[in-house]
PDB file of N, CA and C in Angstrom:
ATOM      1  N   MET A   1      27.632  -4.869 -10.922  1.00  0.00           N
ATOM      2  CA  MET A   1      29.064  -4.791 -10.404  1.00  0.00           C
ATOM      3  C   MET A   1      29.089  -3.812  -9.670  1.00  0.00           C
ATOM      4  N   PRO A   2      29.566  -3.919  -8.370  1.00  0.00           N
ATOM      5  CA  PRO A   2      29.826  -2.835  -7.424  1.00  0.00           C
ATOM      6  C   PRO A   2      30.879  -1.949  -7.848  1.00  0.00           C
ATOM      7  N   SER A   3      30.587  -0.706  -7.581  1.00  0.00           N
ATOM      8  CA  SER A   3      31.534   0.327  -7.878  1.00  0.00           C
ATOM      9  C   SER A   3      32.668   0.404  -6.675  1.00  0.00           C
ATOM     10  N   CYS A   4      33.854   0.810  -7.234  1.00  0.00           N
ATOM     11  CA  CYS A   4      35.014   1.014  -6.182  1.00  0.00           C
ATOM     12  C   CYS A   4      35.033   2.379  -5.575  1.00  0.00           C
ATOM     13  N   SER A   5      35.039   2.356  -4.231  1.00  0.00           N
ATOM     14  CA  SER A   5      35.088   3.748  -3.372  1.00  0.00           C
ATOM     15  C   SER A   5      36.490   4.337  -3.495  1.00  0.00           C
ATOM     16  N   PRO A   6      36.624   5.420  -3.200  1.00  0.00           N
ATOM     17  CA  PRO A   6      37.966   6.080  -3.016  1.00  0.00           C
ATOM     18  C   PRO A   6      38.830   5.377  -2.094  1.00  0.00           C
ATOM     19  N   ASP A   7      38.120   4.853  -1.057  1.00  0.00           N
ATOM     20  CA  ASP A   7      38.833   4.255   0.184  1.00  0.00           C
ATOM     21  C   ASP A   7      39.671   2.954  -0.360  1.00  0.00           C
ATOM     22  N   CYS A   8      39.068   2.389  -1.485  1.00  0.00           N
ATOM     23  CA  CYS A   8      39.783   0.917  -1.610  1.00  0.00           C
ATOM     24  C   CYS A   8      40.703   1.048  -2.899  1.00  0.00           C
ATOM     25  N   CYS A   9      41.438   2.241  -3.024  1.00  0.00           N
ATOM     26  CA  CYS A   9      42.144   2.487  -4.131  1.00  0.00           C
ATOM     27  C   CYS A   9      43.292   1.448  -4.517  1.00  0.00           C
ATOM     28  N   LEU A  10      43.342   0.905  -5.584  1.00  0.00           N
ATOM     29  CA  LEU A  10      44.036  -0.278  -5.976  1.00  0.00           C
ATOM     30  C   LEU A  10      45.576   0.399  -6.150  1.00  0.00           C
ATOM     31  N   PHE A  11      45.506   1.560  -6.786  1.00  0.00           N
ATOM     32  CA  PHE A  11      46.780   2.134  -7.209  1.00  0.00           C
ATOM     33  C   PHE A  11      46.789   3.449  -6.521  1.00  0.00           C
ATOM     34  N   GLN A  12      47.257   3.610  -5.372  1.00  0.00           N
ATOM     35  CA  GLN A  12      47.272   4.968  -4.608  1.00  0.00           C
ATOM     36  C   GLN A  12      48.554   5.712  -5.153  1.00  0.00           C
ATOM     37  N   ALA A  13      48.419   6.980  -5.397  1.00  0.00           N
ATOM     38  CA  ALA A  13      49.559   7.781  -5.849  1.00  0.00           C
ATOM     39  C   ALA A  13      50.819   7.692  -4.727  1.00  0.00           C
ATOM     40  N   VAL A  14      52.010   7.375  -5.184  1.00  0.00           N
ATOM     41  CA  VAL A  14      53.110   7.118  -4.346  1.00  0.00           C
ATOM     42  C   VAL A  14      54.125   8.151  -4.786  1.00  0.00           C
ATOM     43  N   GLU A  15      54.690   8.804  -3.918  1.00  0.00           N
ATOM     44  CA  GLU A  15      55.725   9.797  -4.184  1.00  0.00           C
ATOM     45  C   GLU A  15      57.069   9.389  -3.588  1.00  0.00           C
ATOM     46  N   ILE A  16      58.306   9.652  -4.156  1.00  0.00           N
ATOM     47  CA  ILE A  16      59.466   9.415  -3.750  1.00  0.00           C
ATOM     48  C   ILE A  16      60.163  10.563  -3.037  1.00  0.00           C
ATOM     49  N   VAL A  17      60.466  10.404  -1.735  1.00  0.00           N
ATOM     50  CA  VAL A  17      61.030  11.499  -1.011  1.00  0.00           C
ATOM     51  C   VAL A  17      62.435  11.193  -0.274  1.00  0.00           C
ATOM     52  N   LYS A  18      63.300  11.809  -0.515  1.00  0.00           N
ATOM     53  CA  LYS A  18      64.808  11.722  -0.074  1.00  0.00           C
ATOM     54  C   LYS A  18      64.813  12.689   1.212  1.00  0.00           C
ATOM     55  N   VAL A  19      65.282  11.986   2.341  1.00  0.00           N
ATOM     56  CA  VAL A  19      65.428  12.574   3.855  1.00  0.00           C
ATOM     57  C   VAL A  19      66.863  12.405   4.281  1.00  0.00           C
ATOM     58  N   TRP A  20      67.486  13.512   4.647  1.00  0.00           N
ATOM     59  CA  TRP A  20      68.744  13.257   5.144  1.00  0.00           C
ATOM     60  C   TRP A  20      68.613  13.258   6.583  1.00  0.00           C
ATOM     61  N   SER A  21      69.656  12.746   7.503  1.00  0.00           N
ATOM     62  CA  SER A  21      69.931  12.732   8.727  1.00  0.00           C
ATOM     63  C   SER A  21      71.052  13.496   9.098  1.00  0.00           C
ATOM     64  N   GLU A  22      71.183  14.004  10.342  1.00  0.00           N
ATOM     65  CA  GLU A  22      72.323  14.864  10.832  1.00  0.00           C
ATOM     66  C   GLU A  22      73.548  14.265  10.450  1.00  0.00           C
ATOM     67  N   ASP A  23      74.006  12.916  10.595  1.00  0.00           N
ATOM     68  CA  ASP A  23      75.231  12.436  10.186  1.00  0.00           C
ATOM     69  C   ASP A  23      75.551  12.412   8.642  1.00  0.00           C
ATOM     70  N   GLY A  24      74.493  12.955   7.887  1.00  0.00           N
ATOM     71  CA  GLY A  24      74.801  12.941   6.473  1.00  0.00           C
ATOM     72  C   GLY A  24      74.395  11.882   5.593  1.00  0.00           C
ATOM     73  N   ALA A  25      73.649  10.822   6.262  1.00  0.00           N
ATOM     74  CA  ALA A  25      73.149   9.519   5.678  1.00  0.00           C
ATOM     75  C   ALA A  25      71.882  10.026   4.909  1.00  0.00           C
ATOM     76  N   GLY A  26      71.527   9.609   3.912  1.00  0.00           N
ATOM     77  CA  GLY A  26      70.114   9.817   3.282  1.00  0.00           C
ATOM     78  C   GLY A  26      69.272   8.389   3.175  1.00  0.00           C
ATOM     79  N   LYS A  27      68.189   8.721   3.205  1.00  0.00           N
ATOM     80  CA  LYS A  27      67.106   7.701   3.219  1.00  0.00           C
ATOM     81  C   LYS A  27      66.129   8.235   2.026  1.00  0.00           C
ATOM     82  N   VAL A  28      65.795   7.055   1.292  1.00  0.00           N
ATOM     83  CA  VAL A  28      64.766   7.249   0.327  1.00  0.00           C
ATOM     84  C   VAL A  28      63.522   6.449   0.544  1.00  0.00           C
ATOM     85  N   VAL A  29      62.362   7.190   0.738  1.00  0.00           N
ATOM     86  CA  VAL A  29      61.235   6.506   1.302  1.00  0.00           C
ATOM     87  C   VAL A  29      60.063   6.848   0.095  1.00  0.00           C
ATOM     88  N   GLU A  30      59.343   5.950  -0.011  1.00  0.00           N
ATOM     89  CA  GLU A  30      57.997   5.923  -0.927  1.00  0.00           C
ATOM     90  C   GLU A  30      56.934   6.231   0.141  1.00  0.00           C
ATOM     91  N   ILE A  31      56.419   7.308  -0.108  1.00  0.00           N
ATOM     92  CA  ILE A  31      55.162   7.599   0.650  1.00  0.00           C
ATOM     93  C   ILE A  31      53.897   8.129  -0.157  1.00  0.00           C
ATOM     94  N   PRO A  32      52.712   7.682   0.466  1.00  0.00           N
ATOM     95  CA  PRO A  32      51.557   8.320  -0.239  1.00  0.00           C
ATOM     96  C   PRO A  32      51.418   9.715  -0.307  1.00  0.00           C
ATOM     97  N   ALA A  33      50.798  10.250  -1.352  1.00  0.00           N
ATOM     98  CA  ALA A  33      50.619  11.660  -1.401  1.00  0.00           C
ATOM     99  C   ALA A  33      50.037  12.410  -0.300  1.00  0.00           C
ATOM    100  N   ASP A  34      49.080  11.713   0.484  1.00  0.00           N
ATOM    101  CA  ASP A  34      48.541  12.205   1.607  1.00  0.00           C
ATOM    102  C   ASP A  34      49.256  12.095   2.890  1.00  0.00           C
ATOM    103  N   MET A  35      50.551  11.794   2.884  1.00  0.00           N
ATOM    104  CA  MET A  35      51.054  11.389   4.126  1.00  0.00           C
ATOM    105  C   MET A  35      51.572  12.903   4.807  1.00  0.00           C
ATOM    106  N   THR A  36      51.308  13.061   6.085  1.00  0.00           N
ATOM    107  CA  THR A  36      51.831  14.075   6.699  1.00  0.00           C
ATOM    108  C   THR A  36      53.169  14.131   7.198  1.00  0.00           C
ATOM    109  N   ALA A  37      53.880  15.186   7.632  1.00  0.00           N
ATOM    110  CA  ALA A  37      55.175  15.276   8.202  1.00  0.00           C
ATOM    111  C   ALA A  37      55.179  14.346   9.357  1.00  0.00           C
ATOM    112  N   ARG A  38      54.139  14.386  10.359  1.00  0.00           N
ATOM    113  CA  ARG A  38      54.234  13.527  11.407  1.00  0.00           C
ATOM    114  C   ARG A  38      54.349  12.103  11.124  1.00  0.00           C
ATOM    115  N   ASP A  39      53.487  11.753  10.073  1.00  0.00           N
ATOM    116  CA  ASP A  39      53.512  10.242   9.682  1.00  0.00           C
ATOM    117  C   ASP A  39      54.826   9.900   9.092  1.00  0.00           C
ATOM    118  N   VAL A  40      55.429  10.797   8.439  1.00  0.00           N
ATOM    119  CA  VAL A  40      56.853  10.590   7.708  1.00  0.00           C
ATOM    120  C   VAL A  40      57.825  10.331   8.917  1.00  0.00           C
ATOM    121  N   CYS A  41      57.742  11.250   9.782  1.00  0.00           N
ATOM    122  CA  CYS A  41      58.557  11.188  11.165  1.00  0.00           C
ATOM    123  C   CYS A  41      58.531   9.717  11.693  1.00  0.00           C
ATOM    124  N   GLN A  42      57.284   9.370  11.799  1.00  0.00           N
ATOM    125  CA  GLN A  42      56.988   7.837  12.420  1.00  0.00           C
ATOM    126  C   GLN A  42      57.549   6.800  11.727  1.00  0.00           C
ATOM    127  N   LEU A  43      57.413   7.003  10.394  1.00  0.00           N
ATOM    128  CA  LEU A  43      58.000   6.037   9.421  1.00  0.00           C
ATOM    129  C   LEU A  43      59.506   5.982   9.682  1.00  0.00           C
ATOM    130  N   LEU A  44      60.066   7.165   9.527  1.00  0.00           N
ATOM    131  CA  LEU A  44      61.729   7.158   9.573  1.00  0.00           C
ATOM    132  C   LEU A  44      62.154   6.664  10.986  1.00  0.00           C
ATOM    133  N   VAL A  45      61.461   6.911  12.007  1.00  0.00           N
ATOM    134  CA  VAL A  45      61.800   6.362  13.508  1.00  0.00           C
ATOM    135  C   VAL A  45      61.750   4.962  13.304  1.00  0.00           C
ATOM    136  N   TYR A  46      60.697   4.136  12.733  1.00  0.00           N
ATOM    137  CA  TYR A  46      60.605   2.822  12.650  1.00  0.00           C
ATOM    138  C   TYR A  46      61.895   2.331  11.659  1.00  0.00           C
ATOM    139  N   LYS A  47      62.064   2.902  10.408  1.00  0.00           N
ATOM    140  CA  LYS A  47      62.934   2.290   9.742  1.00  0.00           C
ATOM    141  C   LYS A  47      64.487   2.726  10.238  1.00  0.00           C
ATOM    142  N   SER A  48      64.552   3.652  10.938  1.00  0.00           N
ATOM    143  CA  SER A  48      65.835   3.956  11.545  1.00  0.00           C
ATOM    144  C   SER A  48      66.140   3.400  12.824  1.00  0.00           C
ATOM    145  N   HIS A  49      65.247   2.625  13.577  1.00  0.00           N
ATOM    146  CA  HIS A  49      65.236   2.047  14.691  1.00  0.00           C
ATOM    147  C   HIS A  49      65.552   2.856  15.776  1.00  0.00           C
ATOM    148  N   CYS A  50      65.061   4.167  15.736  1.00  0.00           N
ATOM    149  CA  CYS A  50      65.265   5.365  16.577  1.00  0.00           C
ATOM    150  C   CYS A  50      64.202   5.353  17.853  1.00  0.00           C
ATOM    151  N   LEU A  51      64.620   5.806  18.974  1.00  0.00           N
ATOM    152  CA  LEU A  51      63.678   5.843  20.072  1.00  0.00           C
ATOM    153  C   LEU A  51      62.529   6.788  19.854  1.00  0.00           C
ATOM    154  N   ASP A  52      61.403   6.615  19.775  1.00  0.00           N
ATOM    155  CA  ASP A  52      60.300   7.591  19.525  1.00  0.00           C
ATOM    156  C   ASP A  52      59.978   8.400  20.783  1.00  0.00           C
ATOM    157  N   ASP A  53      60.436   9.695  20.850  1.00  0.00           N
ATOM    158  CA  ASP A  53      60.082  10.327  22.042  1.00  0.00           C
ATOM    159  C   ASP A  53      59.419  11.559  21.566  1.00  0.00           C
ATOM    160  N   ASN A  54      58.793  11.428  20.305  1.00  0.00           N
ATOM    161  CA  ASN A  54      57.842  12.696  19.933  1.00  0.00           C
ATOM    162  C   ASN A  54      58.910  14.080  19.602  1.00  0.00           C
ATOM    163  N   ALA A  55      60.092  13.810  19.552  1.00  0.00           N
ATOM    164  CA  ALA A  55      60.974  15.103  19.430  1.00  0.00           C
ATOM    165  C   ALA A  55      61.337  15.080  18.045  1.00  0.00           C
ATOM    166  N   TRP A  56      61.101  14.124  17.132  1.00  0.00           N
ATOM    167  CA  TRP A  56      61.767  14.109  15.806  1.00  0.00           C
ATOM    168  C   TRP A  56      60.840  14.935  14.858  1.00  0.00           C
ATOM    169  N   THR A  57      61.423  15.556  13.975  1.00  0.00           N
ATOM    170  CA  THR A  57      60.934  16.349  12.942  1.00  0.00           C
ATOM    171  C   THR A  57      61.465  16.560  11.755  1.00  0.00           C
ATOM    172  N   LEU A  58      60.778  16.928  10.774  1.00  0.00           N
ATOM    173  CA  LEU A  58      61.199  17.053   9.461  1.00  0.00           C
ATOM    174  C   LEU A  58      61.590  18.585   9.198  1.00  0.00           C
ATOM    175  N   VAL A  59      62.723  18.945   8.783  1.00  0.00           N
ATOM    176  CA  VAL A  59      63.190  20.164   8.493  1.00  0.00           C
ATOM    177  C   VAL A  59      63.246  20.528   6.879  1.00  0.00           C
ATOM    178  N   GLU A  60      62.736  21.605   6.463  1.00  0.00           N
ATOM    179  CA  GLU A  60      63.084  21.979   4.914  1.00  0.00           C
ATOM    180  C   GLU A  60      64.093  23.043   5.085  1.00  0.00           C
ATOM    181  N   HIS A  61      65.406  22.524   4.364  1.00  0.00           N
ATOM    182  CA  HIS A  61      66.546  23.120   4.343  1.00  0.00           C
ATOM    183  C   HIS A  61      66.804  23.582   2.923  1.00  0.00           C
ATOM    184  N   HIS A  62      67.017  25.017   2.982  1.00  0.00           N
ATOM    185  CA  HIS A  62      67.443  25.732   1.773  1.00  0.00           C
ATOM    186  C   HIS A  62      68.919  26.375   1.955  1.00  0.00           C
ATOM    187  N   PRO A  63      69.936  25.684   1.645  1.00  0.00           N
ATOM    188  CA  PRO A  63      71.252  26.065   1.698  1.00  0.00           C
ATOM    189  C   PRO A  63      71.625  27.409   1.016  1.00  0.00           C
ATOM    190  N   ILE A  64      70.910  27.580  -0.175  1.00  0.00           N
ATOM    191  CA  ILE A  64      71.304  28.853  -0.827  1.00  0.00           C
ATOM    192  C   ILE A  64      70.939  30.136  -0.008  1.00  0.00           C
ATOM    193  N   LEU A  65      69.629  29.964   0.404  1.00  0.00           N
ATOM    194  CA  LEU A  65      69.279  31.104   1.206  1.00  0.00           C
ATOM    195  C   LEU A  65      69.499  31.256   2.606  1.00  0.00           C
ATOM    196  N   GLY A  66      70.076  30.110   3.108  1.00  0.00           N
ATOM    197  CA  GLY A  66      70.475  29.820   4.541  1.00  0.00           C
ATOM    198  C   GLY A  66      69.417  29.909   5.383  1.00  0.00           C
ATOM    199  N   LEU A  67      68.336  29.183   5.119  1.00  0.00           N
ATOM    200  CA  LEU A  67      67.192  29.039   5.988  1.00  0.00           C
ATOM    201  C   LEU A  67      66.866  27.721   6.162  1.00  0.00           C
ATOM    202  N   GLU A  68      66.054  27.501   7.272  1.00  0.00           N
ATOM    203  CA  GLU A  68      65.696  26.178   7.531  1.00  0.00           C
ATOM    204  C   GLU A  68      64.105  26.501   8.234  1.00  0.00           C
ATOM    205  N   ARG A  69      63.180  25.339   7.972  1.00  0.00           N
ATOM    206  CA  ARG A  69      61.898  25.740   8.659  1.00  0.00           C
ATOM    207  C   ARG A  69      61.450  24.280   8.937  1.00  0.00           C
ATOM    208  N   CYS A  70      60.813  24.195  10.299  1.00  0.00           N
ATOM    209  CA  CYS A  70      60.489  22.930  10.698  1.00  0.00           C
ATOM    210  C   CYS A  70      59.018  22.677  10.187  1.00  0.00           C
ATOM    211  N   LEU A  71      58.824  21.628   9.577  1.00  0.00           N
ATOM    212  CA  LEU A  71      57.559  21.275   9.150  1.00  0.00           C
ATOM    213  C   LEU A  71      56.521  21.002  10.280  1.00  0.00           C
ATOM    214  N   GLU A  72      55.354  21.581  10.022  1.00  0.00           N
ATOM    215  CA  GLU A  72      54.084  21.302  11.170  1.00  0.00           C
ATOM    216  C   GLU A  72      53.612  19.796  10.828  1.00  0.00           C
ATOM    217  N   ASP A  73      53.161  19.325  11.850  1.00  0.00           N
ATOM    218  CA  ASP A  73      52.723  17.930  11.953  1.00  0.00           C
ATOM    219  C   ASP A  73      51.833  17.586  10.908  1.00  0.00           C
ATOM    220  N   HIS A  74      50.912  18.620  10.551  1.00  0.00           N
ATOM    221  CA  HIS A  74      49.793  18.335   9.701  1.00  0.00           C
ATOM    222  C   HIS A  74      50.049  18.578   8.263  1.00  0.00           C
ATOM    223  N   GLU A  75      51.291  19.207   7.983  1.00  0.00           N
ATOM    224  CA  GLU A  75      51.795  19.442   6.423  1.00  0.00           C
ATOM    225  C   GLU A  75      51.887  18.180   5.720  1.00  0.00           C
ATOM    226  N   LEU A  76      51.482  18.168   4.457  1.00  0.00           N
ATOM    227  CA  LEU A  76      51.608  17.279   3.560  1.00  0.00           C
ATOM    228  C   LEU A  76      53.006  17.395   2.958  1.00  0.00           C
ATOM    229  N   VAL A  77      53.689  16.444   3.267  1.00  0.00           N
ATOM    230  CA  VAL A  77      55.238  16.362   2.755  1.00  0.00           C
ATOM    231  C   VAL A  77      55.305  16.529   1.177  1.00  0.00           C
ATOM    232  N   VAL A  78      54.568  15.871   0.418  1.00  0.00           N
ATOM    233  CA  VAL A  78      54.643  15.969  -1.006  1.00  0.00           C
ATOM    234  C   VAL A  78      54.343  17.583  -1.496  1.00  0.00           C
ATOM    235  N   GLN A  79      53.391  17.900  -0.844  1.00  0.00           N
ATOM    236  CA  GLN A  79      53.274  19.551  -1.350  1.00  0.00           C
ATOM    237  C   GLN A  79      54.267  20.281  -0.899  1.00  0.00           C
ATOM    238  N   VAL A  80      55.022  19.995   0.222  1.00  0.00           N
ATOM    239  CA  VAL A  80      56.178  20.888   0.595  1.00  0.00           C
ATOM    240  C   VAL A  80      57.148  20.687  -0.417  1.00  0.00           C
ATOM    241  N   GLN A  81      57.453  19.354  -0.721  1.00  0.00           N
ATOM    242  CA  GLN A  81      58.415  19.011  -1.460  1.00  0.00           C
ATOM    243  C   GLN A  81      58.338  19.544  -3.020  1.00  0.00           C
ATOM    244  N   ALA A  82      56.995  19.727  -3.499  1.00  0.00           N
ATOM    245  CA  ALA A  82      56.848  20.271  -4.739  1.00  0.00           C
ATOM    246  C   ALA A  82      57.005  21.723  -4.786  1.00  0.00           C
ATOM    247  N   SER A  83      57.193  22.309  -3.698  1.00  0.00           N
ATOM    248  CA  SER A  83      57.459  23.864  -3.741  1.00  0.00           C
ATOM    249  C   SER A  83      58.899  24.175  -3.540  1.00  0.00           C
ATOM    250  N   MET A  84      59.541  23.216  -3.247  1.00  0.00           N
ATOM    251  CA  MET A  84      61.211  23.322  -2.933  1.00  0.00           C
ATOM    252  C   MET A  84      61.861  23.516  -4.199  1.00  0.00           C
ATOM    253  N   SER A  85      63.072  24.171  -4.127  1.00  0.00           N
ATOM    254  CA  SER A  85      64.042  24.173  -5.379  1.00  0.00           C
ATOM    255  C   SER A  85      64.844  22.913  -5.211  1.00  0.00           C
ATOM    256  N   SER A  86      65.661  22.776  -6.384  1.00  0.00           N
ATOM    257  CA  SER A  86      66.329  21.600  -6.707  1.00  0.00           C
ATOM    258  C   SER A  86      67.590  21.413  -5.554  1.00  0.00           C
ATOM    259  N   ASP A  87      67.874  22.542  -5.009  1.00  0.00           N
ATOM    260  CA  ASP A  87      69.129  22.463  -4.059  1.00  0.00           C
ATOM    261  C   ASP A  87      68.587  22.386  -2.630  1.00  0.00           C
ATOM    262  N   SER A  88      67.303  22.357  -2.470  1.00  0.00           N
ATOM    263  CA  SER A  88      66.819  22.115  -0.957  1.00  0.00           C
ATOM    264  C   SER A  88      66.383  20.715  -0.598  1.00  0.00           C
ATOM    265  N   LYS A  89      66.489  20.452   0.548  1.00  0.00           N
ATOM    266  CA  LYS A  89      66.403  19.139   0.813  1.00  0.00           C
ATOM    267  C   LYS A  89      65.557  18.911   2.159  1.00  0.00           C
ATOM    268  N   PHE A  90      65.210  17.736   2.735  1.00  0.00           N
ATOM    269  CA  PHE A  90      64.562  17.613   3.936  1.00  0.00           C
ATOM    270  C   PHE A  90      65.587  16.956   4.933  1.00  0.00           C
ATOM    271  N   LEU A  91      65.548  17.394   6.073  1.00  0.00           N
ATOM    272  CA  LEU A  91      66.451  16.878   7.135  1.00  0.00           C
ATOM    273  C   LEU A  91      65.477  16.249   8.261  1.00  0.00           C
ATOM    274  N   PHE A  92      65.966  15.144   8.802  1.00  0.00           N
ATOM    275  CA  PHE A  92      65.363  14.492   9.861  1.00  0.00           C
ATOM    276  C   PHE A  92      66.072  14.616  11.023  1.00  0.00           C
ATOM    277  N   ARG A  93      65.624  15.228  12.054  1.00  0.00           N
ATOM    278  CA  ARG A  93      66.338  15.451  13.192  1.00  0.00           C
ATOM    279  C   ARG A  93      65.436  15.816  14.493  1.00  0.00           C
ATOM    280  N   LYS A  94      66.087  15.865  15.616  1.00  0.00           N
ATOM    281  CA  LYS A  94      65.336  16.174  16.789  1.00  0.00           C
ATOM    282  C   LYS A  94      65.167  17.580  16.987  1.00  0.00           C
ATOM    283  N   ASN A  95      64.074  17.979  17.460  1.00  0.00           N
ATOM    284  CA  ASN A  95      63.781  19.346  17.796  1.00  0.00           C
ATOM    285  C   ASN A  95      63.073  19.171  19.324  1.00  0.00           C
ATOM    286  N   TYR A  96      63.833  19.513  20.464  1.00  0.00           N
ATOM    287  CA  TYR A  96      63.269  19.199  21.710  1.00  0.00           C
ATOM    288  C   TYR A  96      62.215  20.215  22.100  1.00  0.00           C
ATOM    289  N   ALA A  97      62.309  21.433  21.315  1.00  0.00           N
ATOM    290  CA  ALA A  97      61.333  22.545  21.529  1.00  0.00           C
ATOM    291  C   ALA A  97      59.862  22.289  20.862  1.00  0.00           C
ATOM    292  N   LYS A  98      59.784  21.272  20.204  1.00  0.00           N
ATOM    293  CA  LYS A  98      58.682  21.319  19.156  1.00  0.00           C
ATOM    294  C   LYS A  98      57.417  21.245  20.020  1.00  0.00           C
ATOM    295  N   TYR A  99      57.219  20.539  21.045  1.00  0.00           N
ATOM    296  CA  TYR A  99      55.889  20.751  21.800  1.00  0.00           C
ATOM    297  C   TYR A  99      56.240  21.243  23.328  1.00  0.00           C
ATOM    298  N   GLU A 100      57.170  22.037  23.435  1.00  0.00           N
ATOM    299  CA  GLU A 100      57.589  22.802  24.796  1.00  0.00           C
ATOM    300  C   GLU A 100      56.480  23.689  25.211  1.00  0.00           C
ATOM    301  N   PHE A 101      55.793  24.435  24.185  1.00  0.00           N
ATOM    302  CA  PHE A 101      54.848  25.279  24.500  1.00  0.00           C
ATOM    303  C   PHE A 101      53.433  24.587  25.223  1.00  0.00           C
ATOM    304  N   PHE A 102      53.268  23.359  24.690  1.00  0.00           N
ATOM    305  CA  PHE A 102      52.235  22.536  25.271  1.00  0.00           C
ATOM    306  C   PHE A 102      52.625  21.862  26.640  1.00  0.00           C
ATOM    307  N   ARG A 103      53.832  21.609  26.797  1.00  0.00           N
ATOM    308  CA  ARG A 103      54.208  21.164  28.028  1.00  0.00           C
ATOM    309  C   ARG A 103      54.215  22.121  29.291  1.00  0.00           C
ATOM    310  N   ASN A 104      54.728  23.399  28.804  1.00  0.00           N
ATOM    311  CA  ASN A 104      54.929  24.390  29.714  1.00  0.00           C
ATOM    312  C   ASN A 104      54.411  25.824  29.225  1.00  0.00           C
ATOM    313  N   PRO A 105      52.952  25.726  29.121  1.00  0.00           N
ATOM    314  CA  PRO A 105      52.381  27.057  28.489  1.00  0.00           C
ATOM    315  C   PRO A 105      52.561  28.275  29.327  1.00  0.00           C
ATOM    316  N   LEU A 106      52.626  29.274  28.739  1.00  0.00           N
ATOM    317  CA  LEU A 106      52.934  30.636  29.277  1.00  0.00           C
ATOM    318  C   LEU A 106      51.900  30.896  30.401  1.00  0.00           C
ATOM    319  N   THR A 107      52.318  31.339  31.533  1.00  0.00           N
ATOM    320  CA  THR A 107      51.433  31.639  32.764  1.00  0.00           C
ATOM    321  C   THR A 107      51.049  33.053  32.713  1.00  0.00           C
ATOM    322  N   GLN A 108      51.953  33.819  32.234  1.00  0.00           N
ATOM    323  CA  GLN A 108      51.460  35.389  32.157  1.00  0.00           C
ATOM    324  C   GLN A 108      50.658  35.527  31.035  1.00  0.00           C
ATOM    325  N   THR A 109      49.907  36.737  31.328  1.00  0.00           N
ATOM    326  CA  THR A 109      48.936  37.356  30.307  1.00  0.00           C
ATOM    327  C   THR A 109      49.439  38.551  29.887  1.00  0.00           C
ATOM    328  N   CYS A 110      49.134  39.036  28.501  1.00  0.00           N
ATOM    329  CA  CYS A 110      49.650  40.440  28.235  1.00  0.00           C
ATOM    330  C   CYS A 110      48.814  41.297  28.830  1.00  0.00           C
ATOM    331  N   THR A 111      49.369  42.375  29.212  1.00  0.00           N
ATOM    332  CA  THR A 111      48.696  43.626  29.947  1.00  0.00           C
ATOM    333  C   THR A 111      48.667  44.786  29.172  1.00  0.00           C
TER     334      THR A 111
END
């Protein structure tokens, strides 16, 4: 009998993530544990019928601390969610400066 490789998992670990938009609407999505922030953004763009212009980002919002942090594209959303407090949430919004450094790199060097 052939053994099953990890790539053919029949029961992949799935997590529930709630993401809020700027208008206050929330979406609940089921994502695999290895899904990156960029992949979740792509999923939300598709589900929300948004224009995909690579400016969408997930933001880790901590209201009690008054802090926000944009998730980097490679971060695993489930890992970030596991470290968040119960009052924290994910926001889905545009960040036009997300890739600005790559579009217009600094031309000056430090002296």
